[in-house]
Full PDB file with SEQRES, HELIX, SHEET, SSBOND, CRYST1, ORIGX, SCALE, CONECT and MASTER records, all heavy atoms in Angstrom:
SEQRES   1 A   45  GLY LEU PHE THR THR MET GLY GLU ALA THR LEU PHE SER          
SEQRES   2 A   45  ILE GLY GLY ILE GLY VAL LEU ILE TRP ALA PHE VAL PHE          
SEQRES   3 A   45  LEU SER PHE HIS ASN GLY ILE LEU LEU GLU LYS LYS GLY          
SEQRES   4 A   45  LYS VAL LYS LYS THR LYS                                      
HELIX    1 AA1 PHE A    3  MET A    6  5                                   4    
HELIX    2 AA2 ILE A   17  THR A   44  1                                  28    
CRYST1    1.000    1.000    1.000  90.00  90.00  90.00 P 1           1          
ORIGX1      1.000000  0.000000  0.000000        0.00000                         
ORIGX2      0.000000  1.000000  0.000000        0.00000                         
ORIGX3      0.000000  0.000000  1.000000        0.00000                         
SCALE1      1.000000  0.000000  0.000000        0.00000                         
SCALE2      0.000000  1.000000  0.000000        0.00000                         
SCALE3      0.000000  0.000000  1.000000        0.00000                         
ATOM      1  N   GLY A   1      16.650 257.793 -58.734  1.00  0.00           N  
ATOM      2  CA  GLY A   1      16.011 257.029 -57.669  1.00  0.00           C  
ATOM      3  C   GLY A   1      14.567 257.448 -57.458  1.00  0.00           C  
ATOM      4  O   GLY A   1      13.671 256.610 -57.312  1.00  0.00           O  
ATOM      5  N   LEU A   2      14.307 258.744 -57.462  1.00  0.00           N  
ATOM      6  CA  LEU A   2      12.951 259.256 -57.273  1.00  0.00           C  
ATOM      7  C   LEU A   2      12.063 258.956 -58.491  1.00  0.00           C  
ATOM      8  O   LEU A   2      10.874 258.660 -58.337  1.00  0.00           O  
ATOM      9  CB  LEU A   2      12.987 260.763 -57.010  1.00  0.00           C  
ATOM     10  CG  LEU A   2      13.558 261.158 -55.643  1.00  0.00           C  
ATOM     11  CD1 LEU A   2      13.833 262.649 -55.583  1.00  0.00           C  
ATOM     12  CD2 LEU A   2      12.592 260.756 -54.525  1.00  0.00           C  
ATOM     13  N   PHE A   3      12.636 259.003 -59.692  1.00  0.00           N  
ATOM     14  CA  PHE A   3      11.849 258.660 -60.879  1.00  0.00           C  
ATOM     15  C   PHE A   3      11.431 257.190 -60.865  1.00  0.00           C  
ATOM     16  O   PHE A   3      10.349 256.844 -61.367  1.00  0.00           O  
ATOM     17  CB  PHE A   3      12.632 258.971 -62.158  1.00  0.00           C  
ATOM     18  CG  PHE A   3      12.503 260.401 -62.614  1.00  0.00           C  
ATOM     19  CD1 PHE A   3      13.624 261.207 -62.775  1.00  0.00           C  
ATOM     20  CD2 PHE A   3      11.254 260.943 -62.882  1.00  0.00           C  
ATOM     21  CE1 PHE A   3      13.506 262.523 -63.195  1.00  0.00           C  
ATOM     22  CE2 PHE A   3      11.125 262.268 -63.303  1.00  0.00           C  
ATOM     23  CZ  PHE A   3      12.253 263.062 -63.454  1.00  0.00           C  
ATOM     24  N   THR A   4      12.270 256.315 -60.301  1.00  0.00           N  
ATOM     25  CA  THR A   4      11.898 254.891 -60.244  1.00  0.00           C  
ATOM     26  C   THR A   4      10.657 254.676 -59.385  1.00  0.00           C  
ATOM     27  O   THR A   4       9.935 253.689 -59.572  1.00  0.00           O  
ATOM     28  CB  THR A   4      13.038 254.021 -59.695  1.00  0.00           C  
ATOM     29  OG1 THR A   4      13.304 254.362 -58.327  1.00  0.00           O  
ATOM     30  CG2 THR A   4      14.300 254.162 -60.519  1.00  0.00           C  
ATOM     31  N   THR A   5      10.408 255.583 -58.455  1.00  0.00           N  
ATOM     32  CA  THR A   5       9.232 255.422 -57.596  1.00  0.00           C  
ATOM     33  C   THR A   5       7.930 255.665 -58.359  1.00  0.00           C  
ATOM     34  O   THR A   5       6.854 255.380 -57.837  1.00  0.00           O  
ATOM     35  CB  THR A   5       9.285 256.368 -56.378  1.00  0.00           C  
ATOM     36  OG1 THR A   5       9.150 257.725 -56.806  1.00  0.00           O  
ATOM     37  CG2 THR A   5      10.577 256.207 -55.616  1.00  0.00           C  
ATOM     38  N   MET A   6       8.034 256.176 -59.579  1.00  0.00           N  
ATOM     39  CA  MET A   6       6.835 256.343 -60.401  1.00  0.00           C  
ATOM     40  C   MET A   6       6.339 255.008 -60.938  1.00  0.00           C  
ATOM     41  O   MET A   6       5.228 254.912 -61.468  1.00  0.00           O  
ATOM     42  CB  MET A   6       7.125 257.288 -61.577  1.00  0.00           C  
ATOM     43  CG  MET A   6       7.462 258.723 -61.154  1.00  0.00           C  
ATOM     44  SD  MET A   6       6.111 259.526 -60.246  1.00  0.00           S  
ATOM     45  CE  MET A   6       6.668 259.327 -58.547  1.00  0.00           C  
ATOM     46  N   GLY A   7       7.151 253.973 -60.829  1.00  0.00           N  
ATOM     47  CA  GLY A   7       6.731 252.637 -61.244  1.00  0.00           C  
ATOM     48  C   GLY A   7       6.732 251.643 -60.106  1.00  0.00           C  
ATOM     49  O   GLY A   7       6.139 250.571 -60.190  1.00  0.00           O  
ATOM     50  N   GLU A   8       7.419 251.990 -59.021  1.00  0.00           N  
ATOM     51  CA  GLU A   8       7.483 251.133 -57.844  1.00  0.00           C  
ATOM     52  C   GLU A   8       7.303 252.009 -56.610  1.00  0.00           C  
ATOM     53  O   GLU A   8       8.062 252.962 -56.400  1.00  0.00           O  
ATOM     54  CB  GLU A   8       8.838 250.410 -57.760  1.00  0.00           C  
ATOM     55  CG  GLU A   8       9.181 249.560 -58.980  1.00  0.00           C  
ATOM     56  CD  GLU A   8       8.347 248.296 -59.081  1.00  0.00           C  
ATOM     57  OE1 GLU A   8       7.780 247.889 -58.037  1.00  0.00           O  
ATOM     58  OE2 GLU A   8       8.247 247.729 -60.178  1.00  0.00           O  
ATOM     59  N   ALA A   9       6.312 251.709 -55.772  1.00  0.00           N  
ATOM     60  CA  ALA A   9       6.016 252.538 -54.592  1.00  0.00           C  
ATOM     61  C   ALA A   9       6.979 252.215 -53.459  1.00  0.00           C  
ATOM     62  O   ALA A   9       6.639 251.543 -52.492  1.00  0.00           O  
ATOM     63  CB  ALA A   9       4.576 252.333 -54.146  1.00  0.00           C  
ATOM     64  N   THR A  10       8.215 252.705 -53.585  1.00  0.00           N  
ATOM     65  CA  THR A  10       9.277 252.367 -52.628  1.00  0.00           C  
ATOM     66  C   THR A  10       9.659 253.510 -51.691  1.00  0.00           C  
ATOM     67  O   THR A  10      10.427 253.300 -50.755  1.00  0.00           O  
ATOM     68  CB  THR A  10      10.543 251.935 -53.397  1.00  0.00           C  
ATOM     69  OG1 THR A  10      10.870 252.960 -54.349  1.00  0.00           O  
ATOM     70  CG2 THR A  10      10.322 250.631 -54.138  1.00  0.00           C  
ATOM     71  N   LEU A  11       9.130 254.710 -51.924  1.00  0.00           N  
ATOM     72  CA  LEU A  11       9.612 255.881 -51.191  1.00  0.00           C  
ATOM     73  C   LEU A  11       9.273 255.825 -49.704  1.00  0.00           C  
ATOM     74  O   LEU A  11      10.016 256.327 -48.873  1.00  0.00           O  
ATOM     75  CB  LEU A  11       9.035 257.157 -51.803  1.00  0.00           C  
ATOM     76  CG  LEU A  11       9.777 258.456 -51.469  1.00  0.00           C  
ATOM     77  CD1 LEU A  11      11.218 258.397 -51.961  1.00  0.00           C  
ATOM     78  CD2 LEU A  11       9.064 259.651 -52.072  1.00  0.00           C  
ATOM     79  N   PHE A  12       8.150 255.217 -49.345  1.00  0.00           N  
ATOM     80  CA  PHE A  12       7.759 255.106 -47.947  1.00  0.00           C  
ATOM     81  C   PHE A  12       8.098 253.731 -47.374  1.00  0.00           C  
ATOM     82  O   PHE A  12       7.721 253.409 -46.251  1.00  0.00           O  
ATOM     83  CB  PHE A  12       6.250 255.347 -47.787  1.00  0.00           C  
ATOM     84  CG  PHE A  12       5.799 256.698 -48.257  1.00  0.00           C  
ATOM     85  CD1 PHE A  12       4.587 256.839 -48.922  1.00  0.00           C  
ATOM     86  CD2 PHE A  12       6.578 257.819 -48.039  1.00  0.00           C  
ATOM     87  CE1 PHE A  12       4.153 258.089 -49.357  1.00  0.00           C  
ATOM     88  CE2 PHE A  12       6.161 259.068 -48.481  1.00  0.00           C  
ATOM     89  CZ  PHE A  12       4.949 259.200 -49.139  1.00  0.00           C  
ATOM     90  N   SER A  13       8.779 252.903 -48.163  1.00  0.00           N  
ATOM     91  CA  SER A  13       9.022 251.519 -47.768  1.00  0.00           C  
ATOM     92  C   SER A  13      10.019 251.427 -46.625  1.00  0.00           C  
ATOM     93  O   SER A  13      10.984 252.190 -46.550  1.00  0.00           O  
ATOM     94  CB  SER A  13       9.554 250.731 -48.970  1.00  0.00           C  
ATOM     95  OG  SER A  13       9.961 249.444 -48.590  1.00  0.00           O  
ATOM     96  N   ILE A  14       9.795 250.449 -45.737  1.00  0.00           N  
ATOM     97  CA  ILE A  14      10.768 250.216 -44.665  1.00  0.00           C  
ATOM     98  C   ILE A  14      11.749 249.113 -45.061  1.00  0.00           C  
ATOM     99  O   ILE A  14      12.531 248.635 -44.248  1.00  0.00           O  
ATOM    100  CB  ILE A  14      10.077 249.847 -43.334  1.00  0.00           C  
ATOM    101  CG1 ILE A  14       9.316 248.520 -43.484  1.00  0.00           C  
ATOM    102  CG2 ILE A  14       9.162 250.952 -42.872  1.00  0.00           C  
ATOM    103  CD1 ILE A  14       8.847 247.936 -42.183  1.00  0.00           C  
ATOM    104  N   GLY A  15      11.656 248.680 -46.320  1.00  0.00           N  
ATOM    105  CA  GLY A  15      12.578 247.672 -46.812  1.00  0.00           C  
ATOM    106  C   GLY A  15      13.927 248.281 -47.139  1.00  0.00           C  
ATOM    107  O   GLY A  15      14.389 249.197 -46.464  1.00  0.00           O  
ATOM    108  N   GLY A  16      14.540 247.811 -48.211  1.00  0.00           N  
ATOM    109  CA  GLY A  16      15.880 248.285 -48.525  1.00  0.00           C  
ATOM    110  C   GLY A  16      15.939 249.345 -49.599  1.00  0.00           C  
ATOM    111  O   GLY A  16      16.744 250.270 -49.534  1.00  0.00           O  
ATOM    112  N   ILE A  17      15.079 249.243 -50.626  1.00  0.00           N  
ATOM    113  CA  ILE A  17      15.154 250.185 -51.746  1.00  0.00           C  
ATOM    114  C   ILE A  17      14.789 251.593 -51.297  1.00  0.00           C  
ATOM    115  O   ILE A  17      15.423 252.572 -51.699  1.00  0.00           O  
ATOM    116  CB  ILE A  17      14.233 249.741 -52.900  1.00  0.00           C  
ATOM    117  CG1 ILE A  17      14.692 248.390 -53.447  1.00  0.00           C  
ATOM    118  CG2 ILE A  17      14.252 250.774 -54.018  1.00  0.00           C  
ATOM    119  CD1 ILE A  17      13.877 247.882 -54.600  1.00  0.00           C  
ATOM    120  N   GLY A  18      13.772 251.714 -50.455  1.00  0.00           N  
ATOM    121  CA  GLY A  18      13.386 253.037 -49.961  1.00  0.00           C  
ATOM    122  C   GLY A  18      14.511 253.717 -49.216  1.00  0.00           C  
ATOM    123  O   GLY A  18      14.766 254.916 -49.390  1.00  0.00           O  
ATOM    124  N   VAL A  19      15.218 252.953 -48.384  1.00  0.00           N  
ATOM    125  CA  VAL A  19      16.356 253.504 -47.636  1.00  0.00           C  
ATOM    126  C   VAL A  19      17.465 253.936 -48.580  1.00  0.00           C  
ATOM    127  O   VAL A  19      18.095 254.977 -48.388  1.00  0.00           O  
ATOM    128  CB  VAL A  19      16.895 252.461 -46.629  1.00  0.00           C  
ATOM    129  CG1 VAL A  19      18.218 252.913 -46.028  1.00  0.00           C  
ATOM    130  CG2 VAL A  19      15.879 252.225 -45.520  1.00  0.00           C  
ATOM    131  N   LEU A  20      17.697 253.151 -49.638  1.00  0.00           N  
ATOM    132  CA  LEU A  20      18.740 253.503 -50.606  1.00  0.00           C  
ATOM    133  C   LEU A  20      18.392 254.802 -51.333  1.00  0.00           C  
ATOM    134  O   LEU A  20      19.259 255.662 -51.534  1.00  0.00           O  
ATOM    135  CB  LEU A  20      18.920 252.370 -51.617  1.00  0.00           C  
ATOM    136  CG  LEU A  20      20.112 252.508 -52.570  1.00  0.00           C  
ATOM    137  CD1 LEU A  20      21.424 252.396 -51.811  1.00  0.00           C  
ATOM    138  CD2 LEU A  20      20.055 251.464 -53.683  1.00  0.00           C  
ATOM    139  N   ILE A  21      17.127 254.967 -51.715  1.00  0.00           N  
ATOM    140  CA  ILE A  21      16.710 256.196 -52.399  1.00  0.00           C  
ATOM    141  C   ILE A  21      16.858 257.401 -51.476  1.00  0.00           C  
ATOM    142  O   ILE A  21      17.368 258.456 -51.881  1.00  0.00           O  
ATOM    143  CB  ILE A  21      15.256 256.073 -52.894  1.00  0.00           C  
ATOM    144  CG1 ILE A  21      15.174 255.025 -54.011  1.00  0.00           C  
ATOM    145  CG2 ILE A  21      14.748 257.424 -53.410  1.00  0.00           C  
ATOM    146  CD1 ILE A  21      13.763 254.700 -54.449  1.00  0.00           C  
ATOM    147  N   TRP A  22      16.433 257.267 -50.206  1.00  0.00           N  
ATOM    148  CA  TRP A  22      16.597 258.375 -49.262  1.00  0.00           C  
ATOM    149  C   TRP A  22      18.075 258.646 -48.982  1.00  0.00           C  
ATOM    150  O   TRP A  22      18.468 259.793 -48.747  1.00  0.00           O  
ATOM    151  CB  TRP A  22      15.853 258.082 -47.963  1.00  0.00           C  
ATOM    152  CG  TRP A  22      14.378 258.316 -48.081  1.00  0.00           C  
ATOM    153  CD1 TRP A  22      13.382 257.391 -48.071  1.00  0.00           C  
ATOM    154  CD2 TRP A  22      13.727 259.584 -48.273  1.00  0.00           C  
ATOM    155  NE1 TRP A  22      12.159 257.991 -48.234  1.00  0.00           N  
ATOM    156  CE2 TRP A  22      12.334 259.333 -48.360  1.00  0.00           C  
ATOM    157  CE3 TRP A  22      14.172 260.895 -48.378  1.00  0.00           C  
ATOM    158  CZ2 TRP A  22      11.392 260.357 -48.541  1.00  0.00           C  
ATOM    159  CZ3 TRP A  22      13.238 261.911 -48.564  1.00  0.00           C  
ATOM    160  CH2 TRP A  22      11.875 261.637 -48.635  1.00  0.00           C  
ATOM    161  N   ALA A  23      18.898 257.599 -49.026  1.00  0.00           N  
ATOM    162  CA  ALA A  23      20.343 257.797 -48.856  1.00  0.00           C  
ATOM    163  C   ALA A  23      20.889 258.672 -49.980  1.00  0.00           C  
ATOM    164  O   ALA A  23      21.720 259.558 -49.745  1.00  0.00           O  
ATOM    165  CB  ALA A  23      21.059 256.442 -48.843  1.00  0.00           C  
ATOM    166  N   PHE A  24      20.428 258.447 -51.212  1.00  0.00           N  
ATOM    167  CA  PHE A  24      20.853 259.272 -52.343  1.00  0.00           C  
ATOM    168  C   PHE A  24      20.370 260.722 -52.164  1.00  0.00           C  
ATOM    169  O   PHE A  24      21.093 261.666 -52.481  1.00  0.00           O  
ATOM    170  CB  PHE A  24      20.307 258.702 -53.649  1.00  0.00           C  
ATOM    171  CG  PHE A  24      20.918 257.396 -54.054  1.00  0.00           C  
ATOM    172  CD1 PHE A  24      20.220 256.501 -54.855  1.00  0.00           C  
ATOM    173  CD2 PHE A  24      22.196 257.053 -53.640  1.00  0.00           C  
ATOM    174  CE1 PHE A  24      20.788 255.297 -55.238  1.00  0.00           C  
ATOM    175  CE2 PHE A  24      22.778 255.842 -54.015  1.00  0.00           C  
ATOM    176  CZ  PHE A  24      22.059 254.963 -54.822  1.00  0.00           C  
ATOM    177  N   VAL A  25      19.148 260.877 -51.667  1.00  0.00           N  
ATOM    178  CA  VAL A  25      18.621 262.225 -51.420  1.00  0.00           C  
ATOM    179  C   VAL A  25      19.495 262.950 -50.406  1.00  0.00           C  
ATOM    180  O   VAL A  25      19.854 264.128 -50.585  1.00  0.00           O  
ATOM    181  CB  VAL A  25      17.164 262.154 -50.909  1.00  0.00           C  
ATOM    182  CG1 VAL A  25      16.700 263.528 -50.415  1.00  0.00           C  
ATOM    183  CG2 VAL A  25      16.234 261.656 -52.016  1.00  0.00           C  
ATOM    184  N   PHE A  26      19.881 262.255 -49.337  1.00  0.00           N  
ATOM    185  CA  PHE A  26      20.681 262.895 -48.294  1.00  0.00           C  
ATOM    186  C   PHE A  26      22.135 263.095 -48.708  1.00  0.00           C  
ATOM    187  O   PHE A  26      22.804 263.988 -48.193  1.00  0.00           O  
ATOM    188  CB  PHE A  26      20.585 262.107 -46.988  1.00  0.00           C  
ATOM    189  CG  PHE A  26      19.266 262.279 -46.300  1.00  0.00           C  
ATOM    190  CD1 PHE A  26      18.497 261.192 -45.944  1.00  0.00           C  
ATOM    191  CD2 PHE A  26      18.786 263.550 -46.027  1.00  0.00           C  
ATOM    192  CE1 PHE A  26      17.267 261.355 -45.319  1.00  0.00           C  
ATOM    193  CE2 PHE A  26      17.565 263.734 -45.390  1.00  0.00           C  
ATOM    194  CZ  PHE A  26      16.796 262.631 -45.043  1.00  0.00           C  
ATOM    195  N   LEU A  27      22.642 262.259 -49.608  1.00  0.00           N  
ATOM    196  CA  LEU A  27      23.963 262.526 -50.180  1.00  0.00           C  
ATOM    197  C   LEU A  27      23.955 263.888 -50.862  1.00  0.00           C  
ATOM    198  O   LEU A  27      24.890 264.682 -50.727  1.00  0.00           O  
ATOM    199  CB  LEU A  27      24.337 261.444 -51.193  1.00  0.00           C  
ATOM    200  CG  LEU A  27      25.030 260.182 -50.691  1.00  0.00           C  
ATOM    201  CD1 LEU A  27      25.231 259.199 -51.829  1.00  0.00           C  
ATOM    202  CD2 LEU A  27      26.362 260.521 -50.046  1.00  0.00           C  
ATOM    203  N   SER A  28      22.897 264.132 -51.619  1.00  0.00           N  
ATOM    204  CA  SER A  28      22.738 265.422 -52.287  1.00  0.00           C  
ATOM    205  C   SER A  28      22.601 266.541 -51.261  1.00  0.00           C  
ATOM    206  O   SER A  28      23.172 267.626 -51.422  1.00  0.00           O  
ATOM    207  CB  SER A  28      21.511 265.383 -53.201  1.00  0.00           C  
ATOM    208  OG  SER A  28      21.285 266.633 -53.803  1.00  0.00           O  
ATOM    209  N   PHE A  29      21.842 266.287 -50.191  1.00  0.00           N  
ATOM    210  CA  PHE A  29      21.622 267.281 -49.145  1.00  0.00           C  
ATOM    211  C   PHE A  29      22.945 267.656 -48.458  1.00  0.00           C  
ATOM    212  O   PHE A  29      23.279 268.839 -48.327  1.00  0.00           O  
ATOM    213  CB  PHE A  29      20.641 266.725 -48.120  1.00  0.00           C  
ATOM    214  CG  PHE A  29      20.374 267.639 -46.954  1.00  0.00           C  
ATOM    215  CD1 PHE A  29      19.482 268.693 -47.068  1.00  0.00           C  
ATOM    216  CD2 PHE A  29      21.010 267.452 -45.737  1.00  0.00           C  
ATOM    217  CE1 PHE A  29      19.223 269.544 -45.995  1.00  0.00           C  
ATOM    218  CE2 PHE A  29      20.765 268.289 -44.657  1.00  0.00           C  
ATOM    219  CZ  PHE A  29      19.865 269.334 -44.793  1.00  0.00           C  
ATOM    220  N   HIS A  30      23.705 266.644 -48.035  1.00  0.00           N  
ATOM    221  CA  HIS A  30      24.991 266.900 -47.372  1.00  0.00           C  
ATOM    222  C   HIS A  30      25.988 267.557 -48.324  1.00  0.00           C  
ATOM    223  O   HIS A  30      26.786 268.413 -47.920  1.00  0.00           O  
ATOM    224  CB  HIS A  30      25.581 265.591 -46.823  1.00  0.00           C  
ATOM    225  CG  HIS A  30      24.768 264.962 -45.740  1.00  0.00           C  
ATOM    226  ND1 HIS A  30      24.362 265.659 -44.625  1.00  0.00           N  
ATOM    227  CD2 HIS A  30      24.301 263.702 -45.580  1.00  0.00           C  
ATOM    228  CE1 HIS A  30      23.667 264.850 -43.830  1.00  0.00           C  
ATOM    229  NE2 HIS A  30      23.621 263.661 -44.384  1.00  0.00           N  
ATOM    230  N   ASN A  31      25.927 267.154 -49.600  1.00  0.00           N  
ATOM    231  CA  ASN A  31      26.814 267.751 -50.588  1.00  0.00           C  
ATOM    232  C   ASN A  31      26.486 269.229 -50.781  1.00  0.00           C  
ATOM    233  O   ASN A  31      27.382 270.062 -50.936  1.00  0.00           O  
ATOM    234  CB  ASN A  31      26.678 267.007 -51.918  1.00  0.00           C  
ATOM    235  CG  ASN A  31      27.781 267.360 -52.896  1.00  0.00           C  
ATOM    236  OD1 ASN A  31      28.957 267.250 -52.572  1.00  0.00           O  
ATOM    237  ND2 ASN A  31      27.414 267.787 -54.078  1.00  0.00           N  
ATOM    238  N   GLY A  32      25.202 269.561 -50.739  1.00  0.00           N  
ATOM    239  CA  GLY A  32      24.787 270.959 -50.854  1.00  0.00           C  
ATOM    240  C   GLY A  32      25.314 271.805 -49.713  1.00  0.00           C  
ATOM    241  O   GLY A  32      25.758 272.938 -49.908  1.00  0.00           O  
ATOM    242  N   ILE A  33      25.274 271.231 -48.492  1.00  0.00           N  
ATOM    243  CA  ILE A  33      25.793 271.946 -47.322  1.00  0.00           C  
ATOM    244  C   ILE A  33      27.303 272.167 -47.456  1.00  0.00           C  
ATOM    245  O   ILE A  33      27.817 273.250 -47.166  1.00  0.00           O  
ATOM    246  CB  ILE A  33      25.479 271.173 -46.035  1.00  0.00           C  
ATOM    247  CG1 ILE A  33      23.968 271.168 -45.786  1.00  0.00           C  
ATOM    248  CG2 ILE A  33      26.207 271.768 -44.837  1.00  0.00           C  
ATOM    249  CD1 ILE A  33      23.539 270.347 -44.591  1.00  0.00           C  
ATOM    250  N   LEU A  34      28.008 271.123 -47.949  1.00  0.00           N  
ATOM    251  CA  LEU A  34      29.456 271.241 -48.130  1.00  0.00           C  
ATOM    252  C   LEU A  34      29.784 272.301 -49.178  1.00  0.00           C  
ATOM    253  O   LEU A  34      30.690 273.127 -48.976  1.00  0.00           O  
ATOM    254  CB  LEU A  34      30.036 269.888 -48.543  1.00  0.00           C  
ATOM    255  CG  LEU A  34      31.554 269.824 -48.737  1.00  0.00           C  
ATOM    256  CD1 LEU A  34      32.282 270.128 -47.428  1.00  0.00           C  
ATOM    257  CD2 LEU A  34      31.971 268.445 -49.261  1.00  0.00           C  
ATOM    258  N   LEU A  35      29.066 272.309 -50.294  1.00  0.00           N  
ATOM    259  CA  LEU A  35      29.292 273.303 -51.342  1.00  0.00           C  
ATOM    260  C   LEU A  35      28.959 274.704 -50.843  1.00  0.00           C  
ATOM    261  O   LEU A  35      29.611 275.675 -51.215  1.00  0.00           O  
ATOM    262  CB  LEU A  35      28.440 272.970 -52.571  1.00  0.00           C  
ATOM    263  CG  LEU A  35      28.793 271.676 -53.314  1.00  0.00           C  
ATOM    264  CD1 LEU A  35      27.789 271.411 -54.432  1.00  0.00           C  
ATOM    265  CD2 LEU A  35      30.208 271.734 -53.883  1.00  0.00           C  
ATOM    266  N   GLU A  36      27.934 274.777 -49.994  1.00  0.00           N  
ATOM    267  CA  GLU A  36      27.543 276.060 -49.406  1.00  0.00           C  
ATOM    268  C   GLU A  36      28.663 276.615 -48.532  1.00  0.00           C  
ATOM    269  O   GLU A  36      28.993 277.806 -48.577  1.00  0.00           O  
ATOM    270  CB  GLU A  36      26.274 275.851 -48.579  1.00  0.00           C  
ATOM    271  CG  GLU A  36      25.399 277.081 -48.463  1.00  0.00           C  
ATOM    272  CD  GLU A  36      24.067 276.745 -47.810  1.00  0.00           C  
ATOM    273  OE1 GLU A  36      24.075 276.067 -46.760  1.00  0.00           O  
ATOM    274  OE2 GLU A  36      23.026 277.128 -48.353  1.00  0.00           O  
ATOM    275  N   LYS A  37      29.269 275.729 -47.725  1.00  0.00           N  
ATOM    276  CA  LYS A  37      30.384 276.133 -46.857  1.00  0.00           C  
ATOM    277  C   LYS A  37      31.573 276.612 -47.675  1.00  0.00           C  
ATOM    278  O   LYS A  37      32.190 277.635 -47.377  1.00  0.00           O  
ATOM    279  CB  LYS A  37      30.815 274.958 -45.969  1.00  0.00           C  
ATOM    280  CG  LYS A  37      29.835 274.608 -44.860  1.00  0.00           C  
ATOM    281  CD  LYS A  37      30.356 273.424 -44.065  1.00  0.00           C  
ATOM    282  CE  LYS A  37      29.397 273.049 -42.944  1.00  0.00           C  
ATOM    283  NZ  LYS A  37      29.867 271.843 -42.208  1.00  0.00           N  
ATOM    284  N   LYS A  38      31.886 275.858 -48.735  1.00  0.00           N  
ATOM    285  CA  LYS A  38      33.013 276.226 -49.585  1.00  0.00           C  
ATOM    286  C   LYS A  38      32.770 277.565 -50.259  1.00  0.00           C  
ATOM    287  O   LYS A  38      33.673 278.375 -50.417  1.00  0.00           O  
ATOM    288  CB  LYS A  38      33.262 275.138 -50.630  1.00  0.00           C  
ATOM    289  CG  LYS A  38      33.797 273.832 -50.042  1.00  0.00           C  
ATOM    290  CD  LYS A  38      33.824 272.714 -51.066  1.00  0.00           C  
ATOM    291  CE  LYS A  38      34.865 272.957 -52.118  1.00  0.00           C  
ATOM    292  NZ  LYS A  38      34.960 271.826 -53.083  1.00  0.00           N  
ATOM    293  N   GLY A  39      31.511 277.813 -50.649  1.00  0.00           N  
ATOM    294  CA  GLY A  39      31.165 279.085 -51.277  1.00  0.00           C  
ATOM    295  C   GLY A  39      31.340 280.248 -50.326  1.00  0.00           C  
ATOM    296  O   GLY A  39      31.825 281.312 -50.702  1.00  0.00           O  
ATOM    297  N   LYS A  40      30.954 280.029 -49.060  1.00  0.00           N  
ATOM    298  CA  LYS A  40      31.090 281.090 -48.058  1.00  0.00           C  
ATOM    299  C   LYS A  40      32.552 281.396 -47.775  1.00  0.00           C  
ATOM    300  O   LYS A  40      32.942 282.543 -47.585  1.00  0.00           O  
ATOM    301  CB  LYS A  40      30.376 280.676 -46.774  1.00  0.00           C  
ATOM    302  CG  LYS A  40      28.869 280.715 -46.878  1.00  0.00           C  
ATOM    303  CD  LYS A  40      28.207 280.292 -45.571  1.00  0.00           C  
ATOM    304  CE  LYS A  40      26.687 280.355 -45.689  1.00  0.00           C  
ATOM    305  NZ  LYS A  40      26.022 279.906 -44.442  1.00  0.00           N  
ATOM    306  N   VAL A  41      33.387 280.340 -47.767  1.00  0.00           N  
ATOM    307  CA  VAL A  41      34.819 280.535 -47.530  1.00  0.00           C  
ATOM    308  C   VAL A  41      35.431 281.379 -48.642  1.00  0.00           C  
ATOM    309  O   VAL A  41      36.215 282.289 -48.401  1.00  0.00           O  
ATOM    310  CB  VAL A  41      35.544 279.173 -47.425  1.00  0.00           C  
ATOM    311  CG1 VAL A  41      37.052 279.371 -47.444  1.00  0.00           C  
ATOM    312  CG2 VAL A  41      35.131 278.453 -46.147  1.00  0.00           C  
ATOM    313  N   LYS A  42      35.039 281.084 -49.886  1.00  0.00           N  
ATOM    314  CA  LYS A  42      35.568 281.840 -51.033  1.00  0.00           C  
ATOM    315  C   LYS A  42      35.163 283.307 -50.956  1.00  0.00           C  
ATOM    316  O   LYS A  42      35.950 284.211 -51.218  1.00  0.00           O  
ATOM    317  CB  LYS A  42      35.072 281.217 -52.336  1.00  0.00           C  
ATOM    318  CG  LYS A  42      35.729 279.886 -52.671  1.00  0.00           C  
ATOM    319  CD  LYS A  42      35.194 279.336 -53.980  1.00  0.00           C  
ATOM    320  CE  LYS A  42      35.863 278.004 -54.316  1.00  0.00           C  
ATOM    321  NZ  LYS A  42      35.341 277.437 -55.572  1.00  0.00           N  
ATOM    322  N   LYS A  43      33.924 283.554 -50.601  1.00  0.00           N  
ATOM    323  CA  LYS A  43      33.430 284.931 -50.487  1.00  0.00           C  
ATOM    324  C   LYS A  43      34.166 285.680 -49.385  1.00  0.00           C  
ATOM    325  O   LYS A  43      34.528 286.849 -49.535  1.00  0.00           O  
ATOM    326  CB  LYS A  43      31.929 284.923 -50.197  1.00  0.00           C  
ATOM    327  CG  LYS A  43      31.087 284.533 -51.402  1.00  0.00           C  
ATOM    328  CD  LYS A  43      29.596 284.586 -51.037  1.00  0.00           C  
ATOM    329  CE  LYS A  43      28.757 284.163 -52.252  1.00  0.00           C  
ATOM    330  NZ  LYS A  43      27.310 284.179 -51.916  1.00  0.00           N  
ATOM    331  N   THR A  44      34.434 285.010 -48.289  1.00  0.00           N  
ATOM    332  CA  THR A  44      35.153 285.626 -47.160  1.00  0.00           C  
ATOM    333  C   THR A  44      36.568 286.009 -47.579  1.00  0.00           C  
ATOM    334  O   THR A  44      37.056 287.090 -47.276  1.00  0.00           O  
ATOM    335  CB  THR A  44      35.210 284.658 -45.960  1.00  0.00           C  
ATOM    336  OG1 THR A  44      33.889 284.302 -45.618  1.00  0.00           O  
ATOM    337  CG2 THR A  44      35.887 285.308 -44.782  1.00  0.00           C  
ATOM    338  N   LYS A  45      37.201 285.110 -48.315  1.00  0.00           N  
ATOM    339  CA  LYS A  45      38.570 285.391 -48.778  1.00  0.00           C  
ATOM    340  C   LYS A  45      38.585 286.584 -49.714  1.00  0.00           C  
ATOM    341  O   LYS A  45      39.483 287.408 -49.672  1.00  0.00           O  
ATOM    342  CB  LYS A  45      39.131 284.149 -49.489  1.00  0.00           C  
ATOM    343  CG  LYS A  45      39.510 283.015 -48.544  1.00  0.00           C  
ATOM    344  CD  LYS A  45      40.112 281.847 -49.304  1.00  0.00           C  
ATOM    345  CE  LYS A  45      40.537 280.741 -48.371  1.00  0.00           C  
ATOM    346  NZ  LYS A  45      41.112 279.589 -49.087  1.00  0.00           N  
TER     347      LYS A  45                                                      
MASTER        0    0    0    2    0    0    0    6  346    1    0    4          
END                                                                             
């Protein structure tokens, strides 16, 4: 999604594609937090 912005200036857009790209970024962000939590649980055990 971020590489596509090198040909289309959508990252700051208030339309739909910009929101979709940021949604993918935040999916990764939330997934990182979830993996972080799981890692901490394993270490605690």
